[in-house]
Amino acid sequence: MLQNSMQAYLIVSAAIFGIVAIIHLVRAVNTWAFVIGPVTIPVTVSWVGFVLTAALCLWSIRLFTS
């Protein structure tokens, strides 16, 4: 039972991190502006976000397959 729960958790985590990584990548490649109130978030934040979320996605996949 616990094994199935852990596998489900890893699949959901990998999917969520993968989707967020793709969103960061698309924003960075297209240099879309992201503004929160008076603050403009630089595109470099999306590059860092892409690297981090892609790494977390790959880590979840690695744990799932091991």
Protein backbone atom coordinates (compact mmCIF):
# COMPACT_ATOMS: atom_id res chain seq x y z
CA MET A 1 0.00 0.00 0.00
CA LEU A 2 2.73 2.45 0.96
CA GLN A 3 4.71 1.57 -2.17
CA ASN A 4 1.72 2.44 -4.39
CA SER A 5 1.23 5.74 -2.58
CA MET A 6 4.88 6.63 -3.03
CA GLN A 7 4.77 5.78 -6.73
CA ALA A 8 1.64 7.91 -7.19
CA TYR A 9 3.32 10.78 -5.35
CA LEU A 10 6.40 10.58 -7.57
CA ILE A 11 4.31 10.52 -10.76
CA VAL A 12 2.28 13.55 -9.67
CA SER A 13 5.42 15.40 -8.56
CA ALA A 14 7.19 14.70 -11.85
CA ALA A 15 4.15 15.85 -13.84
CA ILE A 16 3.73 19.09 -11.90
CA PHE A 17 7.43 19.95 -11.98
CA GLY A 18 7.55 19.07 -15.69
CA ILE A 19 4.63 21.36 -16.51
CA VAL A 20 6.13 24.23 -14.52
CA ALA A 21 9.51 23.67 -16.20
CA ILE A 22 7.89 23.85 -19.65
CA ILE A 23 6.08 27.06 -18.70
CA HIS A 24 9.37 28.62 -17.53
CA LEU A 25 11.13 27.51 -20.71
CA VAL A 26 8.42 28.89 -23.01
CA ARG A 27 8.44 32.22 -21.16
CA ALA A 28 12.24 32.45 -21.30
CA VAL A 29 12.52 31.53 -24.98
CA ASN A 30 9.79 33.98 -26.00
CA THR A 31 11.05 36.68 -23.59
CA TRP A 32 7.52 37.32 -22.37
CA ALA A 33 7.16 40.05 -19.78
CA PHE A 34 5.91 39.06 -16.34
CA VAL A 35 4.73 41.98 -14.26
CA ILE A 36 3.42 41.87 -10.69
CA GLY A 37 2.15 45.30 -9.80
CA PRO A 38 4.98 47.76 -10.36
CA VAL A 39 7.65 45.02 -10.46
CA THR A 40 8.82 43.41 -13.70
CA ILE A 41 10.30 39.93 -13.20
CA PRO A 42 13.43 39.48 -15.37
CA VAL A 43 13.61 36.62 -17.88
CA THR A 44 16.67 35.23 -16.07
CA VAL A 45 14.34 34.19 -13.24
CA SER A 46 12.56 31.89 -15.70
CA TRP A 47 15.86 30.36 -16.81
CA VAL A 48 16.74 29.60 -13.19
CA GLY A 49 13.20 28.35 -12.58
CA PHE A 50 13.46 26.09 -15.62
CA VAL A 51 16.72 24.52 -14.46
CA LEU A 52 15.44 23.95 -10.92
CA THR A 53 12.04 22.54 -11.84
CA ALA A 54 13.47 20.38 -14.63
CA ALA A 55 15.99 18.95 -12.16
CA LEU A 56 13.22 18.20 -9.66
CA CYS A 57 11.16 16.56 -12.41
CA LEU A 58 14.08 14.37 -13.47
CA TRP A 59 14.81 13.49 -9.86
CA SER A 60 11.21 12.34 -9.36
CA ILE A 61 11.37 10.26 -12.52
CA ARG A 62 14.67 8.72 -11.43
CA LEU A 63 13.26 7.77 -8.05
CA PHE A 64 10.14 6.33 -9.67
CA THR A 65 12.12 4.12 -12.03
CA SER A 66 14.57 2.85 -9.39
